[in-house]
Amino acid sequence: HLIRKHFGIAEDESTLRAYLDDFVNFVSEELPDSGARILPGISEVVEAAHTSPNHQQGLLTGNLRAAAEAKLVPFGLWDYFSFGAFADDAIERLDLGPVALARASQFYGVTFAREEVTVIGDTPHDVACARAIGARSLAVASGRFTPEQLAECEPTCLVRSLQEPAALSFLSL
């Protein structure tokens, strides 16, 4: 309903589906010419968590699942995430944390202690999402938010890059 209201899309399901499909196609078509790149440290952290027997990782994003896949596949990152929570799953970003936790528990067959979960992100929404589920947050000031803006959100840990020793130490990688 939020997408329909915000963009003035007709209420019928087929119109909404067509709009979302067009959006995902746009992402796929425009990504190669967008200058999009993997920020320093991302590949190394994702790979280290993937190969570590002490870490499990999933993807929690405000993107639609198909859009997230379209953005990550070209960089070889999509297959590192066995489960996820996406905009398709909840209208409110803060509702995605419980979805991610439930899927993690289902996928791995264990219940994760919330204080052992870390949400990594570069926006105040990411820090708030972590707080909403009682998880730790690693805020990375590599996007449009400054370290000062992210610090106001009181993340558990704040770095400028995932290459910083503080980030790797915080993640125990």
Protein backbone atom coordinates (compact mmCIF):
# COMPACT_ATOMS: atom_id res chain seq x y z
CA HIS A 1 0.00 0.00 0.00
CA LEU A 2 2.88 2.36 0.76
CA ILE A 3 4.36 2.02 -2.74
CA ARG A 4 0.95 2.43 -4.33
CA LYS A 5 0.19 5.56 -2.32
CA HIS A 6 3.61 7.15 -2.70
CA PHE A 7 3.84 6.67 -6.46
CA GLY A 8 0.13 6.94 -7.27
CA ILE A 9 -0.08 3.39 -8.60
CA ALA A 10 -3.47 1.82 -9.22
CA GLU A 11 -4.73 -0.50 -6.51
CA ASP A 12 -4.82 -3.66 -8.63
CA GLU A 13 -2.15 -6.30 -8.10
CA SER A 14 -1.17 -6.61 -11.78
CA THR A 15 -0.32 -2.90 -12.03
CA LEU A 16 1.79 -3.06 -8.88
CA ARG A 17 3.58 -6.20 -10.11
CA ALA A 18 4.29 -4.55 -13.48
CA TYR A 19 5.69 -1.47 -11.72
CA LEU A 20 7.97 -3.55 -9.49
CA ASP A 21 9.12 -5.71 -12.42
CA ASP A 22 9.97 -2.54 -14.38
CA PHE A 23 11.91 -1.23 -11.39
CA VAL A 24 13.98 -4.42 -11.10
CA ASN A 25 14.63 -4.40 -14.86
CA PHE A 26 15.74 -0.77 -14.59
CA VAL A 27 18.20 -1.68 -11.82
CA SER A 28 19.63 -4.52 -13.92
CA GLU A 29 19.96 -2.35 -17.03
CA GLU A 30 21.40 0.72 -15.34
CA LEU A 31 23.83 -0.93 -12.93
CA PRO A 32 26.65 -1.48 -15.44
CA ASP A 33 26.73 2.22 -16.35
CA SER A 34 26.08 3.56 -12.85
CA GLY A 35 29.63 3.49 -11.55
CA ALA A 36 28.51 1.13 -8.79
CA ARG A 37 31.40 -0.63 -7.10
CA ILE A 38 32.21 -2.79 -4.11
CA LEU A 39 33.58 -0.64 -1.31
CA PRO A 40 36.93 -1.57 0.24
CA GLY A 41 36.72 -4.39 2.74
CA ILE A 42 33.28 -5.69 1.72
CA SER A 43 34.46 -8.72 -0.25
CA GLU A 44 36.98 -9.67 2.41
CA VAL A 45 34.48 -9.45 5.27
CA VAL A 46 31.79 -11.36 3.37
CA GLU A 47 34.28 -14.07 2.40
CA ALA A 48 35.75 -14.31 5.91
CA ALA A 49 32.31 -14.64 7.50
CA HIS A 50 31.30 -17.18 4.86
CA THR A 51 34.29 -19.45 5.52
CA SER A 52 34.32 -19.02 9.29
CA PRO A 53 32.84 -21.87 11.33
CA ASN A 54 31.86 -19.28 13.95
CA HIS A 55 29.81 -16.97 11.71
CA GLN A 56 26.61 -17.24 9.71
CA GLN A 57 25.46 -14.46 7.44
CA GLY A 58 22.32 -13.34 5.78
CA LEU A 59 21.20 -10.26 3.93
CA LEU A 60 18.81 -7.75 5.48
CA THR A 61 17.98 -4.89 3.14
CA GLY A 62 15.33 -2.35 2.35
CA ASN A 63 15.61 -3.44 -1.29
CA LEU A 64 13.19 -5.79 -2.99
CA ARG A 65 14.66 -9.30 -3.13
CA ALA A 66 14.94 -9.20 -6.93
CA ALA A 67 16.58 -5.75 -6.85
CA ALA A 68 19.07 -6.86 -4.21
CA GLU A 69 19.92 -9.88 -6.32
CA ALA A 70 20.29 -7.70 -9.43
CA LYS A 71 22.69 -5.43 -7.53
CA LEU A 72 24.81 -8.18 -5.96
CA VAL A 73 25.07 -10.82 -8.71
CA PRO A 74 27.33 -8.74 -11.00
CA PHE A 75 29.81 -8.39 -8.15
CA GLY A 76 29.76 -12.07 -7.19
CA LEU A 77 28.25 -11.37 -3.77
CA TRP A 78 24.72 -12.79 -4.01
CA ASP A 79 25.68 -16.42 -3.39
CA TYR A 80 27.28 -15.57 -0.04
CA PHE A 81 23.85 -15.04 1.51
CA SER A 82 21.82 -18.18 2.16
CA PHE A 83 18.81 -16.31 3.52
CA GLY A 84 17.58 -12.79 3.82
CA ALA A 85 14.86 -10.31 4.65
CA PHE A 86 13.76 -7.84 2.01
CA ALA A 87 11.31 -5.02 1.31
CA ASP A 88 9.00 -7.70 -0.10
CA ASP A 89 8.67 -9.10 3.43
CA ALA A 90 7.58 -6.03 5.36
CA ILE A 91 6.53 -2.47 4.64
CA GLU A 92 8.35 -1.10 7.68
CA ARG A 93 12.13 -1.48 7.74
CA LEU A 94 12.10 -2.17 11.48
CA ASP A 95 9.96 -5.26 10.84
CA LEU A 96 12.69 -6.88 8.73
CA GLY A 97 14.90 -7.84 11.68
CA PRO A 98 12.48 -10.40 13.10
CA VAL A 99 11.98 -11.83 9.59
CA ALA A 100 15.75 -12.20 9.19
CA LEU A 101 16.12 -13.83 12.60
CA ALA A 102 13.32 -16.30 11.89
CA ARG A 103 14.85 -17.23 8.54
CA ALA A 104 18.32 -17.60 10.07
CA SER A 105 16.93 -19.92 12.74
CA GLN A 106 15.04 -21.93 10.14
CA PHE A 107 18.02 -22.17 7.78
CA TYR A 108 20.61 -23.10 10.41
CA GLY A 109 18.30 -25.00 12.77
CA VAL A 110 19.32 -22.98 15.83
CA THR A 111 18.00 -20.00 17.74
CA PHE A 112 20.37 -17.07 17.65
CA ALA A 113 20.89 -14.97 20.78
CA ARG A 114 20.06 -11.45 19.68
CA GLU A 115 23.08 -9.99 21.44
CA GLU A 116 25.28 -12.20 19.24
CA VAL A 117 23.70 -10.88 16.03
CA THR A 118 25.38 -7.97 14.26
CA VAL A 119 23.71 -5.75 11.68
CA ILE A 120 26.24 -4.05 9.42
CA GLY A 121 25.08 -0.99 7.53
CA ASP A 122 25.75 2.55 6.47
CA THR A 123 22.50 4.32 7.39
CA PRO A 124 20.63 5.30 10.53
CA HIS A 125 17.93 2.83 9.39
CA ASP A 126 20.43 0.00 9.74
CA VAL A 127 21.38 1.01 13.28
CA ALA A 128 17.68 1.36 14.21
CA CYS A 129 16.94 -2.05 12.71
CA ALA A 130 19.63 -3.63 14.88
CA ARG A 131 18.38 -1.85 17.98
CA ALA A 132 14.79 -2.97 17.29
CA ILE A 133 15.78 -6.63 17.58
CA GLY A 134 18.34 -6.21 20.35
CA ALA A 135 21.30 -6.84 18.03
CA ARG A 136 24.68 -5.16 17.86
CA SER A 137 25.29 -2.64 15.09
CA LEU A 138 28.38 -1.91 13.05
CA ALA A 139 27.87 1.42 11.31
CA VAL A 140 30.16 2.03 8.36
CA ALA A 141 30.43 5.67 7.28
CA SER A 142 31.09 4.82 3.65
CA GLY A 143 27.82 6.05 2.18
CA ARG A 144 25.93 9.30 2.25
CA PHE A 145 25.91 9.56 6.06
CA THR A 146 28.89 11.06 7.84
CA PRO A 147 30.53 9.51 10.89
CA GLU A 148 28.98 12.29 12.97
CA GLN A 149 25.48 11.56 11.67
CA LEU A 150 25.87 7.84 12.33
CA ALA A 151 27.35 8.48 15.78
CA GLU A 152 24.13 10.32 16.71
CA CYS A 153 22.31 6.99 16.23
CA GLU A 154 24.58 5.38 18.84
CA PRO A 155 25.74 2.28 16.97
CA THR A 156 27.62 -0.35 18.92
CA CYS A 157 30.67 0.27 16.74
CA LEU A 158 31.38 2.98 14.16
CA VAL A 159 34.05 2.84 11.44
CA ARG A 160 34.78 4.62 8.17
CA SER A 161 35.65 1.39 6.34
CA LEU A 162 35.36 -2.34 6.87
CA GLN A 163 39.11 -2.44 6.34
CA GLU A 164 39.69 -0.77 9.70
CA PRO A 165 41.13 -3.07 12.37
CA ALA A 166 38.31 -1.94 14.71
CA ALA A 167 35.73 -3.37 12.30
CA LEU A 168 37.49 -6.70 11.93
CA SER A 169 38.05 -6.93 15.67
CA PHE A 170 34.40 -6.09 16.39
CA LEU A 171 33.30 -8.83 13.99
CA SER A 172 35.90 -11.25 15.41
CA LEU A 173 37.27 -11.90 11.93
